[in-house]
Protein backbone atom coordinates (compact mmCIF):
# COMPACT_ATOMS: atom_id res chain seq x y z
CA MET A 1 199.03 47.35 122.40
CA THR A 2 195.58 50.08 122.97
CA VAL A 3 195.59 52.67 124.90
CA ILE A 4 192.52 54.76 125.38
CA ILE A 5 191.86 58.13 127.37
CA ALA A 6 189.21 59.70 128.93
CA ASN A 7 186.94 63.03 130.14
CA ASP A 8 185.93 62.38 133.80
CA THR A 9 185.77 58.34 134.02
CA PRO A 10 183.29 57.55 136.42
CA PRO A 11 184.11 54.69 139.31
CA ALA A 12 182.57 52.03 137.87
CA ILE A 13 183.71 52.38 133.93
CA ARG A 14 187.17 52.56 135.64
CA GLY A 15 186.74 49.68 137.54
CA LEU A 16 185.90 47.82 134.57
CA LEU A 17 188.72 49.13 132.58
CA LYS A 18 191.56 48.44 135.29
CA ARG A 19 190.30 44.74 134.87
CA TRP A 20 192.38 44.80 131.58
CA PHE A 21 194.72 48.23 131.54
CA ILE A 22 196.92 50.09 133.60
CA GLU A 23 196.15 53.06 134.69
CA PRO A 24 199.81 55.38 134.40
CA ARG A 25 198.29 58.54 134.60
CA PRO A 26 194.71 59.79 135.83
CA ASN A 27 192.23 58.94 132.74
CA VAL A 28 194.91 56.73 130.86
CA PHE A 29 194.76 52.59 129.80
CA VAL A 30 197.02 51.18 128.54
CA GLY A 31 197.64 47.68 128.15
CA SER A 32 197.81 44.90 125.46
CA VAL A 33 194.13 43.36 125.41
CA ASN A 34 192.97 41.07 121.98
CA ALA A 35 190.58 42.50 119.60
CA ARG A 36 187.08 41.09 120.99
CA THR A 37 188.16 42.09 123.83
CA ARG A 38 188.90 45.67 123.41
CA SER A 39 185.56 45.17 121.53
CA LYS A 40 183.70 44.08 123.96
CA THR A 41 184.82 46.62 126.73
CA LEU A 42 184.48 49.98 124.24
CA GLU A 43 181.41 48.75 123.58
CA TYR A 44 180.37 48.72 127.07
CA ILE A 45 181.46 51.40 127.67
CA ARG A 46 179.20 53.28 124.97
CA ARG A 47 176.54 51.97 126.71
CA ASN A 48 177.24 53.09 130.47
CA GLY A 49 179.43 55.61 130.12
CA HIS A 50 177.01 58.75 129.15
CA GLY A 51 178.71 61.44 127.72
CA LEU A 52 182.02 60.32 128.18
CA GLY A 53 184.18 61.56 125.71
CA LEU A 54 187.32 58.57 124.94
CA LEU A 55 190.32 58.67 122.65
CA VAL A 56 190.93 55.29 122.49
CA ILE A 57 194.57 54.50 119.56
CA TYR A 58 194.78 50.13 118.64
CA ASP A 59 197.65 48.43 116.87
CA ASP A 60 196.73 48.13 113.02
CA ASP A 61 198.31 47.03 110.00
CA SER A 62 197.80 50.31 108.22
CA SER A 63 201.09 52.12 106.75
CA GLN A 64 200.89 53.66 110.72
CA GLY A 65 200.50 50.38 112.41
CA PHE A 66 197.71 51.42 114.03
CA VAL A 67 194.08 53.18 114.57
CA VAL A 68 192.51 56.34 116.12
CA GLU A 69 188.59 56.49 117.26
CA THR A 70 186.71 59.06 119.22
CA THR A 71 183.58 58.50 121.06
CA GLY A 72 181.12 61.68 122.44
CA GLU A 73 182.77 64.88 123.21
CA THR A 74 186.72 64.89 123.35
CA ARG A 75 188.99 68.16 123.51
CA ARG A 76 190.58 66.93 120.47
CA ARG A 77 189.36 64.86 117.01
CA ALA A 78 190.80 62.40 114.86
CA ALA A 79 190.84 63.16 111.19
CA ARG A 80 192.07 60.89 108.85
CA ARG A 81 194.19 62.51 105.77
CA CYS A 82 196.05 61.43 103.02
CA GLY A 83 195.69 57.64 105.13
CA LEU A 84 197.47 58.96 107.73
CA GLU A 85 195.83 59.36 111.06
CA LEU A 86 196.23 62.82 112.93
CA ILE A 87 194.85 64.59 116.02
CA ALA A 88 193.54 67.88 115.65
CA GLU A 89 194.04 70.32 118.75
CA SER A 90 191.46 73.09 116.63
CA TRP A 91 189.70 72.66 113.88
CA GLY A 92 189.72 74.54 111.28
CA GLU A 93 187.39 74.80 106.90
CA ASP A 94 188.76 71.51 105.88
CA GLU A 95 188.82 73.73 102.04
CA GLY A 96 192.32 74.09 99.89
CA LEU A 97 193.65 70.78 101.80
CA PRO A 98 195.28 68.23 99.37
CA CYS A 99 194.33 64.81 99.42
């Protein structure tokens, strides 16, 4: 499964995403696509969605079972700490953190 959360999706990008995903809420896309389709879709969006921020979560064989990626400006940032994928709402200094 793949979840894409976008900031202010342009109509052309929204139309492309609706080919492969459902949109349960505005700018939130959910679908079960294979890795090739996901990577080609994200590659197209990165090339043509100038200034579009994306948070992408998809299945993986990691201990958590998923990977988090961000592209462009997003309100929250993905971080990997001690092998775990985390989402930071506010970002502080990394000093003093274990691992």
